[in-house]
Amino acid sequence: MSADETVRCFDSIESAQDFMKVLADTVLDSIKDLNRDQQAALQDGLNRQAQAIDLAIFKLKTLGCHVHKSRIILNDLRTVRRLILSERQPRERTMTAGSF
């Protein structure tokens, strides 16, 4: 991916939200896969590998929490942006809209 493509991926709050959705889904899929791998490692008696997988699962869950919080923040920013843009409307237009 070129630098220009990377910039376009985050040129709006909505595109960042889309990315965070993909990241959240990937984190969940990875946790499911690692849970299966951990069970297989435990069945094969590979305790050290199972512990390493457990650490990876913990880190993915931590990442998932951060992604969730980031998605909430992005949603808040989108709401604030909408409020700011509507405040920039001409005063007469706002007054007319409120009289309905």
PDB file of N, CA and C in Angstrom:
ATOM      1  N   MET A   1       0.855  -1.170   0.000  1.00  0.00           N
ATOM      2  CA  MET A   1       0.000   0.000   0.000  1.00  0.00           C
ATOM      3  C   MET A   1       0.900   1.232   0.000  1.00  0.00           C
ATOM      4  N   SER A   2       0.650   2.121  -0.912  1.00  0.00           N
ATOM      5  CA  SER A   2       1.461   3.331  -1.003  1.00  0.00           C
ATOM      6  C   SER A   2       1.036   4.333   0.070  1.00  0.00           C
ATOM      7  N   ALA A   3       1.883   5.335   0.281  1.00  0.00           N
ATOM      8  CA  ALA A   3       1.581   6.366   1.280  1.00  0.00           C
ATOM      9  C   ALA A   3       0.318   7.126   0.910  1.00  0.00           C
ATOM     10  N   ASP A   4       0.122   7.357  -0.397  1.00  0.00           N
ATOM     11  CA  ASP A   4      -1.071   8.072  -0.846  1.00  0.00           C
ATOM     12  C   ASP A   4      -2.336   7.273  -0.548  1.00  0.00           C
ATOM     13  N   GLU A   5      -2.283   5.958  -0.742  1.00  0.00           N
ATOM     14  CA  GLU A   5      -3.435   5.114  -0.449  1.00  0.00           C
ATOM     15  C   GLU A   5      -3.734   5.101   1.047  1.00  0.00           C
ATOM     16  N   THR A   6      -2.685   5.091   1.854  1.00  0.00           N
ATOM     17  CA  THR A   6      -2.862   5.112   3.302  1.00  0.00           C
ATOM     18  C   THR A   6      -3.537   6.398   3.752  1.00  0.00           C
ATOM     19  N   VAL A   7      -3.136   7.513   3.193  1.00  0.00           N
ATOM     20  CA  VAL A   7      -3.735   8.799   3.547  1.00  0.00           C
ATOM     21  C   VAL A   7      -5.212   8.804   3.190  1.00  0.00           C
ATOM     22  N   ARG A   8      -5.558   8.274   2.015  1.00  0.00           N
ATOM     23  CA  ARG A   8      -6.961   8.249   1.599  1.00  0.00           C
ATOM     24  C   ARG A   8      -7.807   7.348   2.484  1.00  0.00           C
ATOM     25  N   CYS A   9      -7.208   6.316   3.092  1.00  0.00           N
ATOM     26  CA  CYS A   9      -7.953   5.432   3.986  1.00  0.00           C
ATOM     27  C   CYS A   9      -8.475   6.175   5.210  1.00  0.00           C
ATOM     28  N   PHE A  10      -7.801   7.258   5.574  1.00  0.00           N
ATOM     29  CA  PHE A  10      -8.165   7.985   6.778  1.00  0.00           C
ATOM     30  C   PHE A  10      -8.473   9.443   6.474  1.00  0.00           C
ATOM     31  N   ASP A  11      -9.046   9.691   5.304  1.00  0.00           N
ATOM     32  CA  ASP A  11      -9.336  11.074   4.947  1.00  0.00           C
ATOM     33  C   ASP A  11     -10.646  11.577   5.534  1.00  0.00           C
ATOM     34  N   SER A  12     -11.370  10.700   6.218  1.00  0.00           N
ATOM     35  CA  SER A  12     -12.602  11.121   6.878  1.00  0.00           C
ATOM     36  C   SER A  12     -12.836  10.260   8.116  1.00  0.00           C
ATOM     37  N   ILE A  13     -13.700  10.743   8.981  1.00  0.00           N
ATOM     38  CA  ILE A  13     -14.058   9.975  10.168  1.00  0.00           C
ATOM     39  C   ILE A  13     -14.718   8.672   9.756  1.00  0.00           C
ATOM     40  N   GLU A  14     -15.543   8.728   8.724  1.00  0.00           N
ATOM     41  CA  GLU A  14     -16.243   7.522   8.273  1.00  0.00           C
ATOM     42  C   GLU A  14     -15.279   6.453   7.774  1.00  0.00           C
ATOM     43  N   SER A  15     -14.240   6.860   7.056  1.00  0.00           N
ATOM     44  CA  SER A  15     -13.282   5.861   6.567  1.00  0.00           C
ATOM     45  C   SER A  15     -12.486   5.273   7.732  1.00  0.00           C
ATOM     46  N   ALA A  16     -12.197   6.074   8.734  1.00  0.00           N
ATOM     47  CA  ALA A  16     -11.523   5.556   9.927  1.00  0.00           C
ATOM     48  C   ALA A  16     -12.440   4.586  10.671  1.00  0.00           C
ATOM     49  N   GLN A  17     -13.736   4.893  10.712  1.00  0.00           N
ATOM     50  CA  GLN A  17     -14.696   3.988  11.346  1.00  0.00           C
ATOM     51  C   GLN A  17     -14.750   2.651  10.605  1.00  0.00           C
ATOM     52  N   ASP A  18     -14.729   2.710   9.288  1.00  0.00           N
ATOM     53  CA  ASP A  18     -14.725   1.481   8.498  1.00  0.00           C
ATOM     54  C   ASP A  18     -13.497   0.630   8.811  1.00  0.00           C
ATOM     55  N   PHE A  19     -12.342   1.285   8.896  1.00  0.00           N
ATOM     56  CA  PHE A  19     -11.113   0.571   9.223  1.00  0.00           C
ATOM     57  C   PHE A  19     -11.213  -0.076  10.606  1.00  0.00           C
ATOM     58  N   MET A  20     -11.726   0.670  11.579  1.00  0.00           N
ATOM     59  CA  MET A  20     -11.838   0.144  12.934  1.00  0.00           C
ATOM     60  C   MET A  20     -12.798  -1.043  12.997  1.00  0.00           C
ATOM     61  N   LYS A  21     -13.842  -1.024  12.174  1.00  0.00           N
ATOM     62  CA  LYS A  21     -14.772  -2.157  12.099  1.00  0.00           C
ATOM     63  C   LYS A  21     -14.053  -3.399  11.592  1.00  0.00           C
ATOM     64  N   VAL A  22     -13.254  -3.224  10.537  1.00  0.00           N
ATOM     65  CA  VAL A  22     -12.489  -4.348   9.992  1.00  0.00           C
ATOM     66  C   VAL A  22     -11.500  -4.865  11.037  1.00  0.00           C
ATOM     67  N   LEU A  23     -10.840  -3.947  11.738  1.00  0.00           N
ATOM     68  CA  LEU A  23      -9.883  -4.341  12.767  1.00  0.00           C
ATOM     69  C   LEU A  23     -10.584  -5.098  13.899  1.00  0.00           C
ATOM     70  N   ALA A  24     -11.735  -4.621  14.329  1.00  0.00           N
ATOM     71  CA  ALA A  24     -12.484  -5.297  15.394  1.00  0.00           C
ATOM     72  C   ALA A  24     -12.876  -6.712  14.973  1.00  0.00           C
ATOM     73  N   ASP A  25     -13.350  -6.862  13.744  1.00  0.00           N
ATOM     74  CA  ASP A  25     -13.719  -8.183  13.238  1.00  0.00           C
ATOM     75  C   ASP A  25     -12.511  -9.110  13.164  1.00  0.00           C
ATOM     76  N   THR A  26     -11.382  -8.575  12.746  1.00  0.00           N
ATOM     77  CA  THR A  26     -10.154  -9.364  12.645  1.00  0.00           C
ATOM     78  C   THR A  26      -9.682  -9.814  14.023  1.00  0.00           C
ATOM     79  N   VAL A  27      -9.784  -8.927  15.001  1.00  0.00           N
ATOM     80  CA  VAL A  27      -9.401  -9.281  16.369  1.00  0.00           C
ATOM     81  C   VAL A  27     -10.265 -10.430  16.871  1.00  0.00           C
ATOM     82  N   LEU A  28     -11.571 -10.345  16.664  1.00  0.00           N
ATOM     83  CA  LEU A  28     -12.471 -11.419  17.110  1.00  0.00           C
ATOM     84  C   LEU A  28     -12.168 -12.740  16.423  1.00  0.00           C
ATOM     85  N   ASP A  29     -11.928 -12.696  15.112  1.00  0.00           N
ATOM     86  CA  ASP A  29     -11.588 -13.916  14.380  1.00  0.00           C
ATOM     87  C   ASP A  29     -10.287 -14.521  14.884  1.00  0.00           C
ATOM     88  N   SER A  30      -9.316 -13.676  15.172  1.00  0.00           N
ATOM     89  CA  SER A  30      -8.020 -14.149  15.664  1.00  0.00           C
ATOM     90  C   SER A  30      -8.155 -14.797  17.034  1.00  0.00           C
ATOM     91  N   ILE A  31      -8.986 -14.215  17.888  1.00  0.00           N
ATOM     92  CA  ILE A  31      -9.204 -14.795  19.216  1.00  0.00           C
ATOM     93  C   ILE A  31      -9.837 -16.176  19.080  1.00  0.00           C
ATOM     94  N   LYS A  32     -10.820 -16.307  18.198  1.00  0.00           N
ATOM     95  CA  LYS A  32     -11.452 -17.620  17.981  1.00  0.00           C
ATOM     96  C   LYS A  32     -10.434 -18.646  17.499  1.00  0.00           C
ATOM     97  N   ASP A  33      -9.604 -18.245  16.541  1.00  0.00           N
ATOM     98  CA  ASP A  33      -8.578 -19.156  16.017  1.00  0.00           C
ATOM     99  C   ASP A  33      -7.589 -19.559  17.110  1.00  0.00           C
ATOM    100  N   LEU A  34      -7.158 -18.592  17.905  1.00  0.00           N
ATOM    101  CA  LEU A  34      -6.199 -18.888  18.963  1.00  0.00           C
ATOM    102  C   LEU A  34      -6.801 -19.769  20.062  1.00  0.00           C
ATOM    103  N   ASN A  35      -8.078 -19.605  20.337  1.00  0.00           N
ATOM    104  CA  ASN A  35      -8.730 -20.487  21.312  1.00  0.00           C
ATOM    105  C   ASN A  35      -8.676 -21.933  20.844  1.00  0.00           C
ATOM    106  N   ARG A  36      -8.928 -22.145  19.555  1.00  0.00           N
ATOM    107  CA  ARG A  36      -8.832 -23.506  18.998  1.00  0.00           C
ATOM    108  C   ARG A  36      -7.396 -24.025  19.083  1.00  0.00           C
ATOM    109  N   ASP A  37      -6.429 -23.167  18.735  1.00  0.00           N
ATOM    110  CA  ASP A  37      -5.021 -23.561  18.788  1.00  0.00           C
ATOM    111  C   ASP A  37      -4.592 -23.884  20.218  1.00  0.00           C
ATOM    112  N   GLN A  38      -5.112 -23.123  21.163  1.00  0.00           N
ATOM    113  CA  GLN A  38      -4.766 -23.355  22.557  1.00  0.00           C
ATOM    114  C   GLN A  38      -5.299 -24.699  23.034  1.00  0.00           C
ATOM    115  N   GLN A  39      -6.524 -25.010  22.654  1.00  0.00           N
ATOM    116  CA  GLN A  39      -7.101 -26.301  23.035  1.00  0.00           C
ATOM    117  C   GLN A  39      -6.291 -27.452  22.441  1.00  0.00           C
ATOM    118  N   ALA A  40      -5.887 -27.296  21.198  1.00  0.00           N
ATOM    119  CA  ALA A  40      -5.073 -28.335  20.553  1.00  0.00           C
ATOM    120  C   ALA A  40      -3.724 -28.482  21.252  1.00  0.00           C
ATOM    121  N   ALA A  41      -3.115 -27.367  21.622  1.00  0.00           N
ATOM    122  CA  ALA A  41      -1.825 -27.412  22.318  1.00  0.00           C
ATOM    123  C   ALA A  41      -1.968 -28.102  23.673  1.00  0.00           C
ATOM    124  N   LEU A  42      -3.042 -27.812  24.380  1.00  0.00           N
ATOM    125  CA  LEU A  42      -3.258 -28.447  25.681  1.00  0.00           C
ATOM    126  C   LEU A  42      -3.481 -29.955  25.530  1.00  0.00           C
ATOM    127  N   GLN A  43      -4.222 -30.339  24.503  1.00  0.00           N
ATOM    128  CA  GLN A  43      -4.461 -31.766  24.266  1.00  0.00           C
ATOM    129  C   GLN A  43      -3.174 -32.500  23.899  1.00  0.00           C
ATOM    130  N   ASP A  44      -2.257 -31.803  23.230  1.00  0.00           N
ATOM    131  CA  ASP A  44      -0.982 -32.406  22.832  1.00  0.00           C
ATOM    132  C   ASP A  44       0.076 -32.295  23.925  1.00  0.00           C
ATOM    133  N   GLY A  45      -0.282 -31.701  25.064  1.00  0.00           N
ATOM    134  CA  GLY A  45       0.652 -31.578  26.170  1.00  0.00           C
ATOM    135  C   GLY A  45       1.686 -30.479  25.988  1.00  0.00           C
ATOM    136  N   LEU A  46       1.415 -29.527  25.122  1.00  0.00           N
ATOM    137  CA  LEU A  46       2.337 -28.423  24.861  1.00  0.00           C
ATOM    138  C   LEU A  46       1.957 -27.233  25.747  1.00  0.00           C
ATOM    139  N   ASN A  47       2.258 -27.376  27.030  1.00  0.00           N
ATOM    140  CA  ASN A  47       1.833 -26.374  28.013  1.00  0.00           C
ATOM    141  C   ASN A  47       2.461 -25.007  27.764  1.00  0.00           C
ATOM    142  N   ARG A  48       3.739 -24.988  27.416  1.00  0.00           N
ATOM    143  CA  ARG A  48       4.407 -23.694  27.186  1.00  0.00           C
ATOM    144  C   ARG A  48       3.790 -22.979  25.983  1.00  0.00           C
ATOM    145  N   GLN A  49       3.496 -23.732  24.940  1.00  0.00           N
ATOM    146  CA  GLN A  49       2.850 -23.133  23.768  1.00  0.00           C
ATOM    147  C   GLN A  49       1.446 -22.642  24.130  1.00  0.00           C
ATOM    148  N   ALA A  50       0.725 -23.393  24.946  1.00  0.00           N
ATOM    149  CA  ALA A  50      -0.613 -22.988  25.374  1.00  0.00           C
ATOM    150  C   ALA A  50      -0.547 -21.699  26.195  1.00  0.00           C
ATOM    151  N   GLN A  51       0.493 -21.556  27.018  1.00  0.00           N
ATOM    152  CA  GLN A  51       0.660 -20.331  27.800  1.00  0.00           C
ATOM    153  C   GLN A  51       0.962 -19.138  26.890  1.00  0.00           C
ATOM    154  N   ALA A  52       1.774 -19.372  25.887  1.00  0.00           N
ATOM    155  CA  ALA A  52       2.088 -18.292  24.941  1.00  0.00           C
ATOM    156  C   ALA A  52       0.830 -17.866  24.188  1.00  0.00           C
ATOM    157  N   ILE A  53       0.030 -18.824  23.814  1.00  0.00           N
ATOM    158  CA  ILE A  53      -1.225 -18.519  23.127  1.00  0.00           C
ATOM    159  C   ILE A  53      -2.156 -17.759  24.058  1.00  0.00           C
ATOM    160  N   ASP A  54      -2.162 -18.142  25.333  1.00  0.00           N
ATOM    161  CA  ASP A  54      -2.988 -17.438  26.315  1.00  0.00           C
ATOM    162  C   ASP A  54      -2.572 -15.969  26.419  1.00  0.00           C
ATOM    163  N   LEU A  55      -1.276 -15.711  26.380  1.00  0.00           N
ATOM    164  CA  LEU A  55      -0.791 -14.336  26.406  1.00  0.00           C
ATOM    165  C   LEU A  55      -1.241 -13.578  25.152  1.00  0.00           C
ATOM    166  N   ALA A  56      -1.169 -14.243  24.000  1.00  0.00           N
ATOM    167  CA  ALA A  56      -1.612 -13.613  22.746  1.00  0.00           C
ATOM    168  C   ALA A  56      -3.106 -13.295  22.803  1.00  0.00           C
ATOM    169  N   ILE A  57      -3.887 -14.196  23.366  1.00  0.00           N
ATOM    170  CA  ILE A  57      -5.329 -13.960  23.505  1.00  0.00           C
ATOM    171  C   ILE A  57      -5.578 -12.752  24.406  1.00  0.00           C
ATOM    172  N   PHE A  58      -4.844 -12.679  25.511  1.00  0.00           N
ATOM    173  CA  PHE A  58      -4.972 -11.541  26.423  1.00  0.00           C
ATOM    174  C   PHE A  58      -4.665 -10.230  25.696  1.00  0.00           C
ATOM    175  N   LYS A  59      -3.568 -10.213  24.939  1.00  0.00           N
ATOM    176  CA  LYS A  59      -3.187  -8.998  24.214  1.00  0.00           C
ATOM    177  C   LYS A  59      -4.228  -8.635  23.158  1.00  0.00           C
ATOM    178  N   LEU A  60      -4.791  -9.627  22.484  1.00  0.00           N
ATOM    179  CA  LEU A  60      -5.842  -9.350  21.500  1.00  0.00           C
ATOM    180  C   LEU A  60      -7.098  -8.801  22.168  1.00  0.00           C
ATOM    181  N   LYS A  61      -7.436  -9.333  23.332  1.00  0.00           N
ATOM    182  CA  LYS A  61      -8.601  -8.799  24.059  1.00  0.00           C
ATOM    183  C   LYS A  61      -8.356  -7.352  24.478  1.00  0.00           C
ATOM    184  N   THR A  62      -7.122  -7.056  24.894  1.00  0.00           N
ATOM    185  CA  THR A  62      -6.770  -5.683  25.239  1.00  0.00           C
ATOM    186  C   THR A  62      -6.903  -4.781  24.023  1.00  0.00           C
ATOM    187  N   LEU A  63      -6.377  -5.245  22.895  1.00  0.00           N
ATOM    188  CA  LEU A  63      -6.509  -4.491  21.648  1.00  0.00           C
ATOM    189  C   LEU A  63      -7.978  -4.298  21.294  1.00  0.00           C
ATOM    190  N   GLY A  64      -8.782  -5.346  21.466  1.00  0.00           N
ATOM    191  CA  GLY A  64     -10.212  -5.250  21.187  1.00  0.00           C
ATOM    192  C   GLY A  64     -10.890  -4.177  22.022  1.00  0.00           C
ATOM    193  N   CYS A  65     -10.494  -4.057  23.297  1.00  0.00           N
ATOM    194  CA  CYS A  65     -11.049  -3.004  24.162  1.00  0.00           C
ATOM    195  C   CYS A  65     -10.671  -1.622  23.640  1.00  0.00           C
ATOM    196  N   HIS A  66      -9.418  -1.472  23.227  1.00  0.00           N
ATOM    197  CA  HIS A  66      -8.972  -0.184  22.695  1.00  0.00           C
ATOM    198  C   HIS A  66      -9.690   0.154  21.386  1.00  0.00           C
ATOM    199  N   VAL A  67      -9.893  -0.847  20.556  1.00  0.00           N
ATOM    200  CA  VAL A  67     -10.611  -0.624  19.294  1.00  0.00           C
ATOM    201  C   VAL A  67     -12.045  -0.197  19.589  1.00  0.00           C
ATOM    202  N   HIS A  68     -12.679  -0.864  20.536  1.00  0.00           N
ATOM    203  CA  HIS A  68     -14.058  -0.511  20.905  1.00  0.00           C
ATOM    204  C   HIS A  68     -14.141   0.933  21.389  1.00  0.00           C
ATOM    205  N   LYS A  69     -13.208   1.312  22.262  1.00  0.00           N
ATOM    206  CA  LYS A  69     -13.190   2.688  22.766  1.00  0.00           C
ATOM    207  C   LYS A  69     -12.924   3.674  21.637  1.00  0.00           C
ATOM    208  N   SER A  70     -12.052   3.317  20.719  1.00  0.00           N
ATOM    209  CA  SER A  70     -11.753   4.200  19.586  1.00  0.00           C
ATOM    210  C   SER A  70     -12.970   4.371  18.691  1.00  0.00           C
ATOM    211  N   ARG A  71     -13.731   3.302  18.513  1.00  0.00           N
ATOM    212  CA  ARG A  71     -14.947   3.403  17.698  1.00  0.00           C
ATOM    213  C   ARG A  71     -15.955   4.349  18.344  1.00  0.00           C
ATOM    214  N   ILE A  72     -16.066   4.299  19.662  1.00  0.00           N
ATOM    215  CA  ILE A  72     -16.960   5.214  20.373  1.00  0.00           C
ATOM    216  C   ILE A  72     -16.485   6.651  20.204  1.00  0.00           C
ATOM    217  N   ILE A  73     -15.176   6.870  20.335  1.00  0.00           N
ATOM    218  CA  ILE A  73     -14.625   8.216  20.174  1.00  0.00           C
ATOM    219  C   ILE A  73     -14.859   8.732  18.759  1.00  0.00           C
ATOM    220  N   LEU A  74     -14.656   7.886  17.761  1.00  0.00           N
ATOM    221  CA  LEU A  74     -14.901   8.301  16.375  1.00  0.00           C
ATOM    222  C   LEU A  74     -16.375   8.661  16.169  1.00  0.00           C
ATOM    223  N   ASN A  75     -17.263   7.897  16.765  1.00  0.00           N
ATOM    224  CA  ASN A  75     -18.688   8.212  16.659  1.00  0.00           C
ATOM    225  C   ASN A  75     -18.996   9.544  17.320  1.00  0.00           C
ATOM    226  N   ASP A  76     -18.382   9.786  18.487  1.00  0.00           N
ATOM    227  CA  ASP A  76     -18.563  11.077  19.161  1.00  0.00           C
ATOM    228  C   ASP A  76     -18.042  12.224  18.290  1.00  0.00           C
ATOM    229  N   LEU A  77     -16.891  12.024  17.679  1.00  0.00           N
ATOM    230  CA  LEU A  77     -16.327  13.059  16.809  1.00  0.00           C
ATOM    231  C   LEU A  77     -17.234  13.341  15.617  1.00  0.00           C
ATOM    232  N   ARG A  78     -17.823  12.294  15.069  1.00  0.00           N
ATOM    233  CA  ARG A  78     -18.749  12.483  13.942  1.00  0.00           C
ATOM    234  C   ARG A  78     -19.959  13.295  14.391  1.00  0.00           C
ATOM    235  N   THR A  79     -20.470  13.006  15.585  1.00  0.00           N
ATOM    236  CA  THR A  79     -21.603  13.756  16.117  1.00  0.00           C
ATOM    237  C   THR A  79     -21.233  15.214  16.346  1.00  0.00           C
ATOM    238  N   VAL A  80     -20.066  15.441  16.925  1.00  0.00           N
ATOM    239  CA  VAL A  80     -19.609  16.817  17.170  1.00  0.00           C
ATOM    240  C   VAL A  80     -19.433  17.552  15.838  1.00  0.00           C
ATOM    241  N   ARG A  81     -18.874  16.885  14.856  1.00  0.00           N
ATOM    242  CA  ARG A  81     -18.707  17.517  13.542  1.00  0.00           C
ATOM    243  C   ARG A  81     -20.056  17.934  12.975  1.00  0.00           C
ATOM    244  N   ARG A  82     -21.055  17.077  13.108  1.00  0.00           N
ATOM    245  CA  ARG A  82     -22.395  17.412  12.609  1.00  0.00           C
ATOM    246  C   ARG A  82     -22.972  18.612  13.355  1.00  0.00           C
ATOM    247  N   LEU A  83     -22.750  18.663  14.655  1.00  0.00           N
ATOM    248  CA  LEU A  83     -23.232  19.807  15.431  1.00  0.00           C
ATOM    249  C   LEU A  83     -22.533  21.090  15.005  1.00  0.00           C
ATOM    250  N   ILE A  84     -21.235  21.005  14.795  1.00  0.00           N
ATOM    251  CA  ILE A  84     -20.474  22.189  14.376  1.00  0.00           C
ATOM    252  C   ILE A  84     -20.946  22.665  13.011  1.00  0.00           C
ATOM    253  N   LEU A  85     -21.131  21.760  12.089  1.00  0.00           N
ATOM    254  CA  LEU A  85     -21.539  22.148  10.739  1.00  0.00           C
ATOM    255  C   LEU A  85     -22.953  22.725  10.726  1.00  0.00           C
ATOM    256  N   SER A  86     -23.836  22.207  11.554  1.00  0.00           N
ATOM    257  CA  SER A  86     -25.195  22.761  11.581  1.00  0.00           C
ATOM    258  C   SER A  86     -25.198  24.128  12.247  1.00  0.00           C
ATOM    259  N   GLU A  87     -24.272  24.396  13.163  1.00  0.00           N
ATOM    260  CA  GLU A  87     -24.185  25.713  13.790  1.00  0.00           C
ATOM    261  C   GLU A  87     -23.679  26.764  12.812  1.00  0.00           C
ATOM    262  N   ARG A  88     -23.034  26.315  11.758  1.00  0.00           N
ATOM    263  CA  ARG A  88     -22.496  27.253  10.779  1.00  0.00           C
ATOM    264  C   ARG A  88     -23.533  27.654   9.732  1.00  0.00           C
ATOM    265  N   GLN A  89     -24.747  27.103   9.826  1.00  0.00           N
ATOM    266  CA  GLN A  89     -25.792  27.490   8.888  1.00  0.00           C
ATOM    267  C   GLN A  89     -26.177  28.939   9.162  1.00  0.00           C
ATOM    268  N   PRO A  90     -26.659  29.626   8.130  1.00  0.00           N
ATOM    269  CA  PRO A  90     -27.122  31.007   8.347  1.00  0.00           C
ATOM    270  C   PRO A  90     -28.215  31.040   9.410  1.00  0.00           C
ATOM    271  N   ARG A  91     -28.229  32.101  10.185  1.00  0.00           N
ATOM    272  CA  ARG A  91     -29.176  32.209  11.294  1.00  0.00           C
ATOM    273  C   ARG A  91     -30.629  32.140  10.823  1.00  0.00           C
ATOM    274  N   GLU A  92     -30.955  32.749   9.687  1.00  0.00           N
ATOM    275  CA  GLU A  92     -32.330  32.718   9.194  1.00  0.00           C
ATOM    276  C   GLU A  92     -32.777  31.305   8.873  1.00  0.00           C
ATOM    277  N   ARG A  93     -31.857  30.513   8.306  1.00  0.00           N
ATOM    278  CA  ARG A  93     -32.195  29.139   7.940  1.00  0.00           C
ATOM    279  C   ARG A  93     -32.479  28.325   9.203  1.00  0.00           C
ATOM    280  N   THR A  94     -31.696  28.526  10.257  1.00  0.00           N
ATOM    281  CA  THR A  94     -31.900  27.827  11.518  1.00  0.00           C
ATOM    282  C   THR A  94     -33.225  28.224  12.136  1.00  0.00           C
ATOM    283  N   MET A  95     -33.559  29.505  12.091  1.00  0.00           N
ATOM    284  CA  MET A  95     -34.810  29.983  12.659  1.00  0.00           C
ATOM    285  C   MET A  95     -35.988  29.414  11.892  1.00  0.00           C
ATOM    286  N   THR A  96     -35.899  29.366  10.566  1.00  0.00           N
ATOM    287  CA  THR A  96     -36.978  28.835   9.739  1.00  0.00           C
ATOM    288  C   THR A  96     -37.179  27.344  10.020  1.00  0.00           C
ATOM    289  N   ALA A  97     -36.080  26.615  10.140  1.00  0.00           N
ATOM    290  CA  ALA A  97     -36.165  25.170  10.407  1.00  0.00           C
ATOM    291  C   ALA A  97     -36.810  24.907  11.765  1.00  0.00           C
ATOM    292  N   GLY A  98     -36.563  25.776  12.727  1.00  0.00           N
ATOM    293  CA  GLY A  98     -37.125  25.591  14.062  1.00  0.00           C
ATOM    294  C   GLY A  98     -38.594  25.964  14.172  1.00  0.00           C
ATOM    295  N   SER A  99     -39.153  26.656  13.163  1.00  0.00           N
ATOM    296  CA  SER A  99     -40.542  27.103  13.267  1.00  0.00           C
ATOM    297  C   SER A  99     -41.542  26.050  12.807  1.00  0.00           C
ATOM    298  N   PHE A 100     -41.074  24.930  12.322  1.00  0.00           N
ATOM    299  CA  PHE A 100     -42.021  23.882  11.879  1.00  0.00           C
ATOM    300  C   PHE A 100     -42.596  23.190  13.015  1.00  0.00           C
TER     301      PHE A 100
END
